[in-house]
Amino acid sequence: MKLMVDGVEIPLNDFVERILAGMVVGGVNTLKGIKEDWKKIEIEVTK
């Protein structure tokens, strides 16, 4: 997992990485049309 903010990579410890990954994967897996054998999830957030 990699977190980038304005082009700067933010280091994540194992705990935060597991929490973020679990939230994203859990949410994506509940969506219709998502194959079970997906390889990569990319999210871009702008404000």
N, C-alpha and C. Protein backbone atom coordinates (compact mmCIF):
# COMPACT_ATOMS: atom_id res chain seq x y z
N MET A 1 0.85 -1.17 0.00
CA MET A 1 0.00 0.00 0.00
C MET A 1 0.89 1.23 0.00
N LYS A 2 0.43 2.26 -0.71
CA LYS A 2 1.18 3.51 -0.77
C LYS A 2 0.19 4.66 -0.64
N LEU A 3 0.50 5.61 0.22
CA LEU A 3 -0.31 6.81 0.38
C LEU A 3 0.49 8.01 -0.11
N MET A 4 -0.09 8.72 -1.10
CA MET A 4 0.56 9.90 -1.65
C MET A 4 -0.33 11.11 -1.37
N VAL A 5 0.25 12.20 -0.86
CA VAL A 5 -0.48 13.44 -0.63
C VAL A 5 0.28 14.55 -1.36
N ASP A 6 -0.35 15.14 -2.35
CA ASP A 6 0.27 16.18 -3.18
C ASP A 6 1.63 15.74 -3.72
N GLY A 7 1.70 14.47 -4.16
CA GLY A 7 2.91 13.95 -4.77
C GLY A 7 3.97 13.49 -3.80
N VAL A 8 3.72 13.59 -2.50
CA VAL A 8 4.69 13.16 -1.48
C VAL A 8 4.20 11.86 -0.86
N GLU A 9 5.05 10.83 -0.87
CA GLU A 9 4.67 9.56 -0.27
C GLU A 9 4.70 9.68 1.25
N ILE A 10 3.62 9.25 1.89
CA ILE A 10 3.50 9.29 3.34
C ILE A 10 3.78 7.89 3.88
N PRO A 11 4.77 7.73 4.74
CA PRO A 11 5.07 6.40 5.27
C PRO A 11 3.94 5.92 6.20
N LEU A 12 3.62 4.65 6.08
CA LEU A 12 2.57 4.05 6.90
C LEU A 12 3.16 2.90 7.71
N ASN A 13 2.78 2.82 8.99
CA ASN A 13 3.21 1.66 9.76
C ASN A 13 2.27 0.50 9.45
N ASP A 14 2.60 -0.71 9.89
CA ASP A 14 1.82 -1.89 9.57
C ASP A 14 0.37 -1.78 10.03
N PHE A 15 0.15 -1.23 11.21
CA PHE A 15 -1.20 -1.11 11.76
C PHE A 15 -2.08 -0.23 10.87
N VAL A 16 -1.60 0.95 10.52
CA VAL A 16 -2.37 1.88 9.68
C VAL A 16 -2.58 1.27 8.29
N GLU A 17 -1.58 0.61 7.77
CA GLU A 17 -1.70 -0.02 6.46
C GLU A 17 -2.80 -1.09 6.47
N ARG A 18 -2.83 -1.91 7.51
CA ARG A 18 -3.86 -2.95 7.61
C ARG A 18 -5.25 -2.35 7.76
N ILE A 19 -5.38 -1.27 8.55
CA ILE A 19 -6.68 -0.62 8.75
C ILE A 19 -7.19 -0.03 7.43
N LEU A 20 -6.35 0.75 6.75
CA LEU A 20 -6.76 1.38 5.50
C LEU A 20 -7.09 0.34 4.43
N ALA A 21 -6.23 -0.66 4.30
CA ALA A 21 -6.46 -1.70 3.30
C ALA A 21 -7.75 -2.45 3.59
N GLY A 22 -8.00 -2.76 4.84
CA GLY A 22 -9.21 -3.48 5.21
C GLY A 22 -10.47 -2.69 4.89
N MET A 23 -10.45 -1.39 5.15
CA MET A 23 -11.61 -0.55 4.86
C MET A 23 -11.87 -0.49 3.35
N VAL A 24 -10.81 -0.28 2.57
CA VAL A 24 -10.98 -0.15 1.13
C VAL A 24 -11.43 -1.48 0.52
N VAL A 25 -10.75 -2.56 0.85
CA VAL A 25 -11.08 -3.86 0.29
C VAL A 25 -12.49 -4.28 0.72
N GLY A 26 -12.84 -4.06 1.97
CA GLY A 26 -14.17 -4.41 2.45
C GLY A 26 -15.25 -3.65 1.70
N GLY A 27 -15.05 -2.37 1.48
CA GLY A 27 -16.02 -1.57 0.76
C GLY A 27 -16.13 -1.97 -0.70
N VAL A 28 -15.01 -2.18 -1.35
CA VAL A 28 -15.00 -2.52 -2.77
C VAL A 28 -15.62 -3.90 -3.00
N ASN A 29 -15.33 -4.85 -2.13
CA ASN A 29 -15.86 -6.20 -2.30
C ASN A 29 -17.38 -6.26 -2.20
N THR A 30 -18.01 -5.27 -1.59
CA THR A 30 -19.47 -5.27 -1.49
C THR A 30 -20.14 -4.68 -2.73
N LEU A 31 -19.38 -4.07 -3.62
CA LEU A 31 -19.95 -3.44 -4.81
C LEU A 31 -20.32 -4.46 -5.87
N LYS A 32 -21.44 -4.24 -6.54
CA LYS A 32 -21.85 -5.13 -7.62
C LYS A 32 -20.92 -4.93 -8.81
N GLY A 33 -20.63 -6.01 -9.50
CA GLY A 33 -19.81 -5.94 -10.71
C GLY A 33 -18.32 -6.07 -10.47
N ILE A 34 -17.90 -6.18 -9.22
CA ILE A 34 -16.47 -6.35 -8.91
C ILE A 34 -16.14 -7.84 -8.93
N LYS A 35 -15.17 -8.21 -9.74
CA LYS A 35 -14.76 -9.62 -9.81
C LYS A 35 -13.99 -10.00 -8.55
N GLU A 36 -14.13 -11.24 -8.14
CA GLU A 36 -13.43 -11.72 -6.94
C GLU A 36 -11.93 -11.79 -7.12
N ASP A 37 -11.47 -11.88 -8.36
CA ASP A 37 -10.03 -12.03 -8.60
C ASP A 37 -9.35 -10.71 -9.02
N TRP A 38 -9.85 -9.59 -8.48
CA TRP A 38 -9.25 -8.30 -8.82
C TRP A 38 -7.79 -8.29 -8.38
N LYS A 39 -7.00 -7.45 -9.02
CA LYS A 39 -5.54 -7.40 -8.75
C LYS A 39 -5.12 -6.11 -8.04
N LYS A 40 -5.75 -4.98 -8.38
CA LYS A 40 -5.28 -3.69 -7.87
C LYS A 40 -6.46 -2.74 -7.75
N ILE A 41 -6.49 -1.99 -6.66
CA ILE A 41 -7.50 -0.95 -6.46
C ILE A 41 -6.76 0.37 -6.40
N GLU A 42 -7.24 1.35 -7.15
CA GLU A 42 -6.66 2.70 -7.11
C GLU A 42 -7.77 3.68 -6.74
N ILE A 43 -7.48 4.57 -5.81
CA ILE A 43 -8.44 5.59 -5.39
C ILE A 43 -7.74 6.94 -5.48
N GLU A 44 -8.42 7.90 -6.08
CA GLU A 44 -7.89 9.27 -6.12
C GLU A 44 -8.93 10.17 -5.48
N VAL A 45 -8.51 10.94 -4.50
CA VAL A 45 -9.41 11.86 -3.80
C VAL A 45 -8.88 13.28 -3.99
N THR A 46 -9.76 14.18 -4.42
CA THR A 46 -9.38 15.59 -4.54
C THR A 46 -10.32 16.42 -3.71
N LYS A 47 -9.84 17.57 -3.27
CA LYS A 47 -10.73 18.47 -2.53
C LYS A 47 -10.66 19.84 -3.10
